Amino acid sequence: MTLEINGIKKKFDEQYAVNGISLKVEKGKMFGMLGANGAGKTTTFRMILGLLDPTEGSALWDGERMSYQRTRLVGYLPEERGLFPKLTVKEQLIYLMKLKGMKTPEIVKEMRIWLDRFQVPEYENKKLEELSKGNQQKIQFMASILHRPELLILDEPFSGLDPVNSDMLKKAVLDLQRQGTTIVFSSHQMSNVEEMCEDLIMLKRGRPVLQGNLREIKRSYGMKRISIRADYELDFLETIQGVLSFEKGRDGGLLHVENEEVGETIFHTLAEKGFVRKFEIEEPTLHDIFIDKVGGETDE
């Protein structure tokens, strides 16, 4: 079973929200979709789900378009949360999971397993409006996975969560992947994508600007980071050709340079000036690459 997107486009009036995305996600893989607000992530997800028809191209799961008849195969956590604040957790999960074809006893059993896992068993009969934002997010997540979907789409799943709840949700997502669920998620928290995803696509105004295996992207990306500690001022490094930026620290700094050759020049320059406590060339972080490719646009 594979998710395949082939040259998909979506036009609203005269403007393309998505313009030429193609990708393939194999069963059991974790795939990241990155981009600033308005980059086309949510529109792409809605076309995968069959909620929007593409202007051109196709989005297929296991060779077929998603439809209402196949809704039990997919789970979706939208960025804009959509649960009923006046219903209890139990009431709304039973209602939503019946739409996926589950029976009440099975729903209640699965719900209690997940409530225990998320350390909130006492919330079963509480109304959603009585819960904190973080705990509402847990319930929304449960609504996307209780029916054990083959394909899980998560739109900004960690947005607004504190570190404890974020780690709890992250572990749940990774466990689902290990059990064979195919997962596509978007996040503006680059560390989560870097930690969890093998492959990714980066969008800017509806177009892909970077795509592929994360490890290979980082290894082949020209820009490098150099972490330096020295017993003298390093401001002069900013003037060296090929230095993209310099972040001054208490006893050193962090340089972004165009390539390793620039790093070699800097190393020899420092060696002539005196003792260097630390000189380490690192691959760029996903955050560095995002800023470079997207041009400083950021998610809120």
C-alpha atoms as a PDB file:
ATOM      1  CA  MET A   1       0.000   0.000   0.000  1.00  0.00           C
ATOM      2  CA  THR A   2       1.435   3.306  -1.111  1.00  0.00           C
ATOM      3  CA  LEU A   3       0.384   6.944  -1.078  1.00  0.00           C
ATOM      4  CA  GLU A   4       1.058   8.386  -4.519  1.00  0.00           C
ATOM      5  CA  ILE A   5       0.625  12.020  -5.504  1.00  0.00           C
ATOM      6  CA  ASN A   6       1.126  12.671  -9.198  1.00  0.00           C
ATOM      7  CA  GLY A   7       1.563  16.249 -10.447  1.00  0.00           C
ATOM      8  CA  ILE A   8      -1.249  17.500  -8.244  1.00  0.00           C
ATOM      9  CA  LYS A   9      -2.469  21.094  -8.625  1.00  0.00           C
ATOM     10  CA  LYS A  10      -5.286  23.088  -7.062  1.00  0.00           C
ATOM     11  CA  LYS A  11      -6.427  26.431  -8.412  1.00  0.00           C
ATOM     12  CA  PHE A  12      -8.776  28.842  -6.659  1.00  0.00           C
ATOM     13  CA  ASP A  13      -9.978  31.579  -9.003  1.00  0.00           C
ATOM     14  CA  GLU A  14      -6.749  32.511 -10.818  1.00  0.00           C
ATOM     15  CA  GLN A  15      -4.378  31.511  -8.022  1.00  0.00           C
ATOM     16  CA  TYR A  16      -2.681  28.136  -7.559  1.00  0.00           C
ATOM     17  CA  ALA A  17      -2.686  27.062  -3.902  1.00  0.00           C
ATOM     18  CA  VAL A  18      -0.836  23.871  -4.909  1.00  0.00           C
ATOM     19  CA  ASN A  19       1.188  23.754  -8.101  1.00  0.00           C
ATOM     20  CA  GLY A  20       2.830  20.529  -9.207  1.00  0.00           C
ATOM     21  CA  ILE A  21       3.470  18.250  -6.225  1.00  0.00           C
ATOM     22  CA  SER A  22       4.506  14.639  -6.817  1.00  0.00           C
ATOM     23  CA  LEU A  23       5.586  12.208  -4.124  1.00  0.00           C
ATOM     24  CA  LYS A  24       5.398   8.595  -2.999  1.00  0.00           C
ATOM     25  CA  VAL A  25       5.165   7.333   0.581  1.00  0.00           C
ATOM     26  CA  GLU A  26       5.552   3.600   1.132  1.00  0.00           C
ATOM     27  CA  LYS A  27       3.620   1.652   3.755  1.00  0.00           C
ATOM     28  CA  GLY A  28       4.851   2.224   7.299  1.00  0.00           C
ATOM     29  CA  LYS A  29       6.948   5.292   6.473  1.00  0.00           C
ATOM     30  CA  MET A  30       6.881   8.707   8.159  1.00  0.00           C
ATOM     31  CA  PHE A  31       6.840  11.626   5.721  1.00  0.00           C
ATOM     32  CA  GLY A  32       7.146  15.318   6.599  1.00  0.00           C
ATOM     33  CA  MET A  33       5.581  18.226   4.745  1.00  0.00           C
ATOM     34  CA  LEU A  34       7.033  21.650   5.517  1.00  0.00           C
ATOM     35  CA  GLY A  35       6.175  25.185   4.522  1.00  0.00           C
ATOM     36  CA  ALA A  36       5.080  28.546   5.867  1.00  0.00           C
ATOM     37  CA  ASN A  37       1.423  29.531   6.203  1.00  0.00           C
ATOM     38  CA  GLY A  38      -0.153  29.529   2.750  1.00  0.00           C
ATOM     39  CA  ALA A  39       2.398  27.083   1.325  1.00  0.00           C
ATOM     40  CA  GLY A  40      -0.296  24.573   0.337  1.00  0.00           C
ATOM     41  CA  LYS A  41       0.107  21.890   3.023  1.00  0.00           C
ATOM     42  CA  THR A  42      -3.499  21.779   4.222  1.00  0.00           C
ATOM     43  CA  THR A  43      -4.883  22.008   0.673  1.00  0.00           C
ATOM     44  CA  THR A  44      -2.709  19.040  -0.299  1.00  0.00           C
ATOM     45  CA  PHE A  45      -3.969  17.042   2.681  1.00  0.00           C
ATOM     46  CA  ARG A  46      -7.576  17.783   1.728  1.00  0.00           C
ATOM     47  CA  MET A  47      -6.971  16.530  -1.798  1.00  0.00           C
ATOM     48  CA  ILE A  48      -5.403  13.321  -0.436  1.00  0.00           C
ATOM     49  CA  LEU A  49      -8.509  12.842   1.710  1.00  0.00           C
ATOM     50  CA  GLY A  50     -10.870  13.471  -1.189  1.00  0.00           C
ATOM     51  CA  LEU A  51     -12.326  16.566   0.473  1.00  0.00           C
ATOM     52  CA  LEU A  52     -11.144  18.685  -2.468  1.00  0.00           C
ATOM     53  CA  ASP A  53     -10.911  17.687  -6.114  1.00  0.00           C
ATOM     54  CA  PRO A  54      -7.565  18.481  -7.769  1.00  0.00           C
ATOM     55  CA  THR A  55      -7.525  20.895 -10.691  1.00  0.00           C
ATOM     56  CA  GLU A  56      -4.921  18.607 -12.229  1.00  0.00           C
ATOM     57  CA  GLY A  57      -3.146  15.416 -11.195  1.00  0.00           C
ATOM     58  CA  SER A  58      -4.167  12.725  -8.726  1.00  0.00           C
ATOM     59  CA  ALA A  59      -3.769  11.584  -5.123  1.00  0.00           C
ATOM     60  CA  LEU A  60      -4.102   7.825  -4.655  1.00  0.00           C
ATOM     61  CA  TRP A  61      -3.975   5.484  -1.678  1.00  0.00           C
ATOM     62  CA  ASP A  62      -3.307   1.881  -2.692  1.00  0.00           C
ATOM     63  CA  GLY A  63      -4.015   2.837  -6.296  1.00  0.00           C
ATOM     64  CA  GLU A  64      -7.412   4.452  -5.702  1.00  0.00           C
ATOM     65  CA  ARG A  65      -8.767   7.869  -4.825  1.00  0.00           C
ATOM     66  CA  MET A  66      -9.991   8.323  -1.281  1.00  0.00           C
ATOM     67  CA  SER A  67     -13.782   8.322  -0.970  1.00  0.00           C
ATOM     68  CA  TYR A  68     -16.410   8.182   1.759  1.00  0.00           C
ATOM     69  CA  GLN A  69     -16.610   4.413   1.277  1.00  0.00           C
ATOM     70  CA  ARG A  70     -12.897   4.157   2.121  1.00  0.00           C
ATOM     71  CA  THR A  71     -12.946   6.600   5.041  1.00  0.00           C
ATOM     72  CA  ARG A  72     -12.202   3.849   7.566  1.00  0.00           C
ATOM     73  CA  LEU A  73      -8.751   3.471   5.969  1.00  0.00           C
ATOM     74  CA  VAL A  74      -7.598   6.969   6.883  1.00  0.00           C
ATOM     75  CA  GLY A  75      -7.235   9.075  10.019  1.00  0.00           C
ATOM     76  CA  TYR A  76      -7.005  12.866   9.913  1.00  0.00           C
ATOM     77  CA  LEU A  77      -5.998  15.337  12.588  1.00  0.00           C
ATOM     78  CA  PRO A  78      -6.835  18.792  11.173  1.00  0.00           C
ATOM     79  CA  GLU A  79      -4.934  21.918  12.151  1.00  0.00           C
ATOM     80  CA  GLU A  80      -8.236  23.573  13.047  1.00  0.00           C
ATOM     81  CA  ARG A  81      -9.654  21.330  15.750  1.00  0.00           C
ATOM     82  CA  GLY A  82     -13.231  20.198  15.232  1.00  0.00           C
ATOM     83  CA  LEU A  83     -14.661  18.383  18.261  1.00  0.00           C
ATOM     84  CA  PHE A  84     -17.945  19.215  19.986  1.00  0.00           C
ATOM     85  CA  PRO A  85     -17.325  21.202  23.187  1.00  0.00           C
ATOM     86  CA  LYS A  86     -20.665  20.296  24.811  1.00  0.00           C
ATOM     87  CA  LEU A  87     -20.308  16.525  24.365  1.00  0.00           C
ATOM     88  CA  THR A  88     -18.364  14.300  26.724  1.00  0.00           C
ATOM     89  CA  VAL A  89     -15.217  12.610  25.516  1.00  0.00           C
ATOM     90  CA  LYS A  90     -17.002   9.257  25.451  1.00  0.00           C
ATOM     91  CA  GLU A  91     -20.051  10.581  23.597  1.00  0.00           C
ATOM     92  CA  GLN A  92     -18.150  12.210  20.786  1.00  0.00           C
ATOM     93  CA  LEU A  93     -15.646   9.384  20.292  1.00  0.00           C
ATOM     94  CA  ILE A  94     -18.497   6.880  20.033  1.00  0.00           C
ATOM     95  CA  TYR A  95     -20.249   9.121  17.510  1.00  0.00           C
ATOM     96  CA  LEU A  96     -17.152   9.710  15.369  1.00  0.00           C
ATOM     97  CA  MET A  97     -15.938   6.116  15.427  1.00  0.00           C
ATOM     98  CA  LYS A  98     -19.357   4.774  14.452  1.00  0.00           C
ATOM     99  CA  LEU A  99     -18.942   6.822  11.285  1.00  0.00           C
ATOM    100  CA  LYS A 100     -15.797   4.746  10.696  1.00  0.00           C
ATOM    101  CA  GLY A 101     -17.752   1.493  11.073  1.00  0.00           C
ATOM    102  CA  MET A 102     -16.801   0.573  14.648  1.00  0.00           C
ATOM    103  CA  LYS A 103     -19.184  -0.892  17.252  1.00  0.00           C
ATOM    104  CA  THR A 104     -19.720   0.746  20.649  1.00  0.00           C
ATOM    105  CA  PRO A 105     -18.019  -1.936  22.815  1.00  0.00           C
ATOM    106  CA  GLU A 106     -14.910  -1.850  20.614  1.00  0.00           C
ATOM    107  CA  ILE A 107     -14.847   1.951  20.662  1.00  0.00           C
ATOM    108  CA  VAL A 108     -15.081   2.110  24.464  1.00  0.00           C
ATOM    109  CA  LYS A 109     -12.331  -0.498  24.839  1.00  0.00           C
ATOM    110  CA  GLU A 110      -9.938   1.358  22.539  1.00  0.00           C
ATOM    111  CA  MET A 111     -10.838   4.720  24.097  1.00  0.00           C
ATOM    112  CA  ARG A 112      -9.953   3.509  27.596  1.00  0.00           C
ATOM    113  CA  ILE A 113      -6.640   2.079  26.409  1.00  0.00           C
ATOM    114  CA  TRP A 114      -5.682   5.476  24.983  1.00  0.00           C
ATOM    115  CA  LEU A 115      -7.030   7.492  27.920  1.00  0.00           C
ATOM    116  CA  ASP A 116      -4.838   5.375  30.193  1.00  0.00           C
ATOM    117  CA  ARG A 117      -1.870   5.832  27.896  1.00  0.00           C
ATOM    118  CA  PHE A 118      -2.330   9.609  27.916  1.00  0.00           C
ATOM    119  CA  GLN A 119      -2.753   9.532  31.720  1.00  0.00           C
ATOM    120  CA  VAL A 120      -6.265  11.017  31.675  1.00  0.00           C
ATOM    121  CA  PRO A 121      -8.678   8.108  32.405  1.00  0.00           C
ATOM    122  CA  GLU A 122     -10.834  10.432  34.514  1.00  0.00           C
ATOM    123  CA  TYR A 123     -11.774  12.471  31.412  1.00  0.00           C
ATOM    124  CA  GLU A 124     -14.030   9.808  29.901  1.00  0.00           C
ATOM    125  CA  ASN A 125     -17.221  11.542  31.046  1.00  0.00           C
ATOM    126  CA  LYS A 126     -15.990  15.122  30.988  1.00  0.00           C
ATOM    127  CA  LYS A 127     -17.112  17.617  28.368  1.00  0.00           C
ATOM    128  CA  LEU A 128     -14.409  18.785  26.016  1.00  0.00           C
ATOM    129  CA  GLU A 129     -14.880  22.423  27.051  1.00  0.00           C
ATOM    130  CA  GLU A 130     -13.801  21.449  30.567  1.00  0.00           C
ATOM    131  CA  LEU A 131     -10.384  20.244  29.377  1.00  0.00           C
ATOM    132  CA  SER A 132      -7.158  22.172  28.845  1.00  0.00           C
ATOM    133  CA  LYS A 133      -5.968  22.828  25.308  1.00  0.00           C
ATOM    134  CA  GLY A 134      -3.326  20.114  25.602  1.00  0.00           C
ATOM    135  CA  ASN A 135      -5.831  17.516  26.772  1.00  0.00           C
ATOM    136  CA  GLN A 136      -8.290  18.536  24.058  1.00  0.00           C
ATOM    137  CA  GLN A 137      -5.491  17.835  21.605  1.00  0.00           C
ATOM    138  CA  LYS A 138      -5.081  14.327  23.015  1.00  0.00           C
ATOM    139  CA  ILE A 139      -8.773  13.634  22.470  1.00  0.00           C
ATOM    140  CA  GLN A 140      -8.629  15.042  18.937  1.00  0.00           C
ATOM    141  CA  PHE A 141      -5.683  12.735  18.241  1.00  0.00           C
ATOM    142  CA  MET A 142      -7.631   9.761  19.615  1.00  0.00           C
ATOM    143  CA  ALA A 143     -10.485  10.649  17.252  1.00  0.00           C
ATOM    144  CA  SER A 144      -8.053  10.246  14.344  1.00  0.00           C
ATOM    145  CA  ILE A 145      -6.602   6.852  15.330  1.00  0.00           C
ATOM    146  CA  LEU A 146      -9.069   4.769  17.391  1.00  0.00           C
ATOM    147  CA  HIS A 147     -10.237   2.964  14.236  1.00  0.00           C
ATOM    148  CA  ARG A 148      -6.624   1.955  13.470  1.00  0.00           C
ATOM    149  CA  PRO A 149      -6.244   3.605  10.058  1.00  0.00           C
ATOM    150  CA  GLU A 150      -3.776   2.453   7.428  1.00  0.00           C
ATOM    151  CA  LEU A 151      -2.947   6.060   6.502  1.00  0.00           C
ATOM    152  CA  LEU A 152      -2.707   8.813   9.112  1.00  0.00           C
ATOM    153  CA  ILE A 153      -2.504  12.505   8.190  1.00  0.00           C
ATOM    154  CA  LEU A 154      -1.532  14.937  10.944  1.00  0.00           C
ATOM    155  CA  ASP A 155      -1.716  18.684  10.282  1.00  0.00           C
ATOM    156  CA  GLU A 156       0.436  20.498  12.872  1.00  0.00           C
ATOM    157  CA  PRO A 157      -0.126  17.803  15.536  1.00  0.00           C
ATOM    158  CA  PHE A 158       2.253  19.328  18.095  1.00  0.00           C
ATOM    159  CA  SER A 159       1.082  22.934  17.778  1.00  0.00           C
ATOM    160  CA  GLY A 160       0.447  24.578  21.154  1.00  0.00           C
ATOM    161  CA  LEU A 161       1.512  21.575  23.246  1.00  0.00           C
ATOM    162  CA  ASP A 162       3.841  21.863  26.222  1.00  0.00           C
ATOM    163  CA  PRO A 163       7.006  19.706  26.150  1.00  0.00           C
ATOM    164  CA  VAL A 164       5.495  16.902  28.274  1.00  0.00           C
ATOM    165  CA  ASN A 165       2.372  16.511  26.128  1.00  0.00           C
ATOM    166  CA  SER A 166       4.389  16.960  22.931  1.00  0.00           C
ATOM    167  CA  ASP A 167       6.707  14.090  23.891  1.00  0.00           C
ATOM    168  CA  MET A 168       3.743  11.921  24.869  1.00  0.00           C
ATOM    169  CA  LEU A 169       2.070  12.491  21.491  1.00  0.00           C
ATOM    170  CA  LYS A 170       5.338  12.024  19.614  1.00  0.00           C
ATOM    171  CA  LYS A 171       5.883   8.608  21.202  1.00  0.00           C
ATOM    172  CA  ALA A 172       2.332   7.590  20.277  1.00  0.00           C
ATOM    173  CA  VAL A 173       2.903   8.603  16.646  1.00  0.00           C
ATOM    174  CA  LEU A 174       6.189   6.684  16.472  1.00  0.00           C
ATOM    175  CA  ASP A 175       4.535   3.583  17.966  1.00  0.00           C
ATOM    176  CA  LEU A 176       1.818   3.716  15.316  1.00  0.00           C
ATOM    177  CA  GLN A 177       4.473   3.895  12.619  1.00  0.00           C
ATOM    178  CA  ARG A 178       6.275   0.886  14.087  1.00  0.00           C
ATOM    179  CA  GLN A 179       2.976  -1.001  13.919  1.00  0.00           C
ATOM    180  CA  GLY A 180       2.788  -0.324  10.177  1.00  0.00           C
ATOM    181  CA  THR A 181       0.739   2.872   9.884  1.00  0.00           C
ATOM    182  CA  THR A 182       1.790   5.181   7.051  1.00  0.00           C
ATOM    183  CA  ILE A 183       2.030   8.724   8.422  1.00  0.00           C
ATOM    184  CA  VAL A 184       2.230  12.111   6.729  1.00  0.00           C
ATOM    185  CA  PHE A 185       2.474  15.150   8.945  1.00  0.00           C
ATOM    186  CA  SER A 186       3.191  18.841   8.760  1.00  0.00           C
ATOM    187  CA  SER A 187       4.907  20.824  11.464  1.00  0.00           C
ATOM    188  CA  HIS A 188       6.598  24.171  11.855  1.00  0.00           C
ATOM    189  CA  GLN A 189       8.688  22.647  14.666  1.00  0.00           C
ATOM    190  CA  MET A 190      11.698  21.588  12.624  1.00  0.00           C
ATOM    191  CA  SER A 191      13.209  19.493  15.418  1.00  0.00           C
ATOM    192  CA  ASN A 192      10.198  17.148  15.351  1.00  0.00           C
ATOM    193  CA  VAL A 193      10.466  16.627  11.587  1.00  0.00           C
ATOM    194  CA  GLU A 194      14.214  16.152  11.869  1.00  0.00           C
ATOM    195  CA  GLU A 195      13.789  13.572  14.613  1.00  0.00           C
ATOM    196  CA  MET A 196      10.867  11.618  13.177  1.00  0.00           C
ATOM    197  CA  CYS A 197      10.936  11.722   9.370  1.00  0.00           C
ATOM    198  CA  GLU A 198      13.005   9.796   6.858  1.00  0.00           C
ATOM    199  CA  ASP A 199      11.757  11.766   3.858  1.00  0.00           C
ATOM    200  CA  LEU A 200      10.221  15.185   3.376  1.00  0.00           C
ATOM    201  CA  ILE A 201       9.001  17.812   0.973  1.00  0.00           C
ATOM    202  CA  MET A 202       9.386  21.552   1.502  1.00  0.00           C
ATOM    203  CA  LEU A 203       6.818  23.857  -0.101  1.00  0.00           C
ATOM    204  CA  LYS A 204       6.890  27.541  -0.917  1.00  0.00           C
ATOM    205  CA  ARG A 205       3.700  29.144  -2.248  1.00  0.00           C
ATOM    206  CA  GLY A 206       2.368  25.826  -3.450  1.00  0.00           C
ATOM    207  CA  ARG A 207       5.525  24.632  -5.195  1.00  0.00           C
ATOM    208  CA  PRO A 208       8.098  22.101  -3.967  1.00  0.00           C
ATOM    209  CA  VAL A 209      11.495  23.719  -3.368  1.00  0.00           C
ATOM    210  CA  LEU A 210      13.213  20.723  -1.751  1.00  0.00           C
ATOM    211  CA  GLN A 211      12.345  17.033  -1.623  1.00  0.00           C
ATOM    212  CA  GLY A 212      13.974  13.725  -0.745  1.00  0.00           C
ATOM    213  CA  ASN A 213      15.631  11.741   2.015  1.00  0.00           C
ATOM    214  CA  LEU A 214      16.438  13.970   4.982  1.00  0.00           C
ATOM    215  CA  ARG A 215      19.825  12.425   5.682  1.00  0.00           C
ATOM    216  CA  GLU A 216      20.913  12.753   2.058  1.00  0.00           C
ATOM    217  CA  ILE A 217      19.610  16.322   1.842  1.00  0.00           C
ATOM    218  CA  LYS A 218      21.632  17.386   4.877  1.00  0.00           C
ATOM    219  CA  ARG A 219      24.750  15.544   3.728  1.00  0.00           C
ATOM    220  CA  SER A 220      24.702  17.056   0.242  1.00  0.00           C
ATOM    221  CA  TYR A 221      23.566  20.555   1.187  1.00  0.00           C
ATOM    222  CA  GLY A 222      26.328  23.055   0.483  1.00  0.00           C
ATOM    223  CA  MET A 223      25.821  25.239   3.535  1.00  0.00           C
ATOM    224  CA  LYS A 224      27.633  24.143   6.707  1.00  0.00           C
ATOM    225  CA  ARG A 225      27.668  25.229  10.350  1.00  0.00           C
ATOM    226  CA  ILE A 226      30.923  25.825  12.209  1.00  0.00           C
ATOM    227  CA  SER A 227      30.951  25.944  15.992  1.00  0.00           C
ATOM    228  CA  ILE A 228      33.999  27.765  17.380  1.00  0.00           C
ATOM    229  CA  ARG A 229      35.382  28.485  20.843  1.00  0.00           C
ATOM    230  CA  ALA A 230      38.454  30.647  21.176  1.00  0.00           C
ATOM    231  CA  ASP A 231      40.168  33.004  23.637  1.00  0.00           C
ATOM    232  CA  TYR A 232      39.907  36.048  21.371  1.00  0.00           C
ATOM    233  CA  GLU A 233      37.258  38.022  19.507  1.00  0.00           C
ATOM    234  CA  LEU A 234      35.878  36.387  16.372  1.00  0.00           C
ATOM    235  CA  ASP A 235      33.992  39.289  14.806  1.00  0.00           C
ATOM    236  CA  PHE A 236      36.557  39.512  12.002  1.00  0.00           C
ATOM    237  CA  LEU A 237      35.271  36.195  10.613  1.00  0.00           C
ATOM    238  CA  GLU A 238      32.196  37.966   9.256  1.00  0.00           C
ATOM    239  CA  THR A 239      34.385  39.624   6.615  1.00  0.00           C
ATOM    240  CA  ILE A 240      35.652  36.355   5.125  1.00  0.00           C
ATOM    241  CA  GLN A 241      34.151  35.577   1.734  1.00  0.00           C
ATOM    242  CA  GLY A 242      31.673  32.709   1.910  1.00  0.00           C
ATOM    243  CA  VAL A 243      30.528  33.419   5.468  1.00  0.00           C
ATOM    244  CA  LEU A 244      26.731  33.689   5.397  1.00  0.00           C
ATOM    245  CA  SER A 245      26.135  34.654   9.031  1.00  0.00           C
ATOM    246  CA  PHE A 246      27.827  34.831  12.420  1.00  0.00           C
ATOM    247  CA  GLU A 247      26.089  34.362  15.771  1.00  0.00           C
ATOM    248  CA  LYS A 248      28.297  35.566  18.590  1.00  0.00           C
ATOM    249  CA  GLY A 249      28.380  33.567  21.815  1.00  0.00           C
ATOM    250  CA  ARG A 250      29.925  34.114  25.236  1.00  0.00           C
ATOM    251  CA  ASP A 251      33.273  32.547  24.353  1.00  0.00           C
ATOM    252  CA  GLY A 252      32.940  31.832  20.670  1.00  0.00           C
ATOM    253  CA  GLY A 253      30.296  31.730  18.013  1.00  0.00           C
ATOM    254  CA  LEU A 254      28.374  29.860  15.355  1.00  0.00           C
ATOM    255  CA  LEU A 255      29.108  30.473  11.677  1.00  0.00           C
ATOM    256  CA  HIS A 256      27.054  29.522   8.657  1.00  0.00           C
ATOM    257  CA  VAL A 257      29.281  29.150   5.621  1.00  0.00           C
ATOM    258  CA  GLU A 258      28.702  28.278   1.968  1.00  0.00           C
ATOM    259  CA  ASN A 259      30.732  25.055   1.944  1.00  0.00           C
ATOM    260  CA  GLU A 260      33.550  23.089   3.563  1.00  0.00           C
ATOM    261  CA  GLU A 261      36.207  24.953   1.547  1.00  0.00           C
ATOM    262  CA  VAL A 262      35.226  28.172   3.339  1.00  0.00           C
ATOM    263  CA  GLY A 263      35.518  26.240   6.595  1.00  0.00           C
ATOM    264  CA  GLU A 264      39.074  25.252   5.734  1.00  0.00           C
ATOM    265  CA  THR A 265      39.986  28.898   5.082  1.00  0.00           C
ATOM    266  CA  ILE A 266      38.531  29.886   8.448  1.00  0.00           C
ATOM    267  CA  PHE A 267      40.425  27.111  10.228  1.00  0.00           C
ATOM    268  CA  HIS A 268      43.797  28.282   8.850  1.00  0.00           C
ATOM    269  CA  THR A 269      42.947  31.917   9.649  1.00  0.00           C
ATOM    270  CA  LEU A 270      42.163  31.028  13.249  1.00  0.00           C
ATOM    271  CA  ALA A 271      45.274  28.882  13.624  1.00  0.00           C
ATOM    272  CA  GLU A 272      47.441  31.885  12.750  1.00  0.00           C
ATOM    273  CA  LYS A 273      45.797  34.015  15.442  1.00  0.00           C
ATOM    274  CA  GLY A 274      46.117  31.725  18.437  1.00  0.00           C
ATOM    275  CA  PHE A 275      44.734  28.791  20.371  1.00  0.00           C
ATOM    276  CA  VAL A 276      41.320  27.442  19.327  1.00  0.00           C
ATOM    277  CA  ARG A 277      39.419  25.460  21.969  1.00  0.00           C
ATOM    278  CA  LYS A 278      36.799  24.114  19.589  1.00  0.00           C
ATOM    279  CA  PHE A 279      36.380  23.973  15.833  1.00  0.00           C
ATOM    280  CA  GLU A 280      33.606  21.718  14.563  1.00  0.00           C
ATOM    281  CA  ILE A 281      32.027  21.614  11.110  1.00  0.00           C
ATOM    282  CA  GLU A 282      28.459  20.306  11.198  1.00  0.00           C
ATOM    283  CA  GLU A 283      25.755  19.642   8.656  1.00  0.00           C
ATOM    284  CA  PRO A 284      23.048  22.330   8.605  1.00  0.00           C
ATOM    285  CA  THR A 285      19.964  21.778  10.718  1.00  0.00           C
ATOM    286  CA  LEU A 286      16.596  21.457   9.034  1.00  0.00           C
ATOM    287  CA  HIS A 287      15.822  24.899  10.448  1.00  0.00           C
ATOM    288  CA  ASP A 288      18.850  26.336   8.606  1.00  0.00           C
ATOM    289  CA  ILE A 289      17.766  24.684   5.360  1.00  0.00           C
ATOM    290  CA  PHE A 290      14.170  25.852   5.773  1.00  0.00           C
ATOM    291  CA  ILE A 291      15.220  29.470   6.245  1.00  0.00           C
ATOM    292  CA  ASP A 292      17.572  29.236   3.274  1.00  0.00           C
ATOM    293  CA  LYS A 293      15.004  27.668   0.915  1.00  0.00           C
ATOM    294  CA  VAL A 294      11.802  29.358   2.028  1.00  0.00           C
ATOM    295  CA  GLY A 295      13.464  32.754   2.325  1.00  0.00           C
ATOM    296  CA  GLY A 296      12.637  33.669   5.904  1.00  0.00           C
ATOM    297  CA  GLU A 297       8.895  32.955   5.697  1.00  0.00           C
ATOM    298  CA  THR A 298       7.737  31.303   8.909  1.00  0.00           C
ATOM    299  CA  ASP A 299       4.700  29.562  10.265  1.00  0.00           C
ATOM    300  CA  GLU A 300       2.799  31.119  13.108  1.00  0.00           C
END
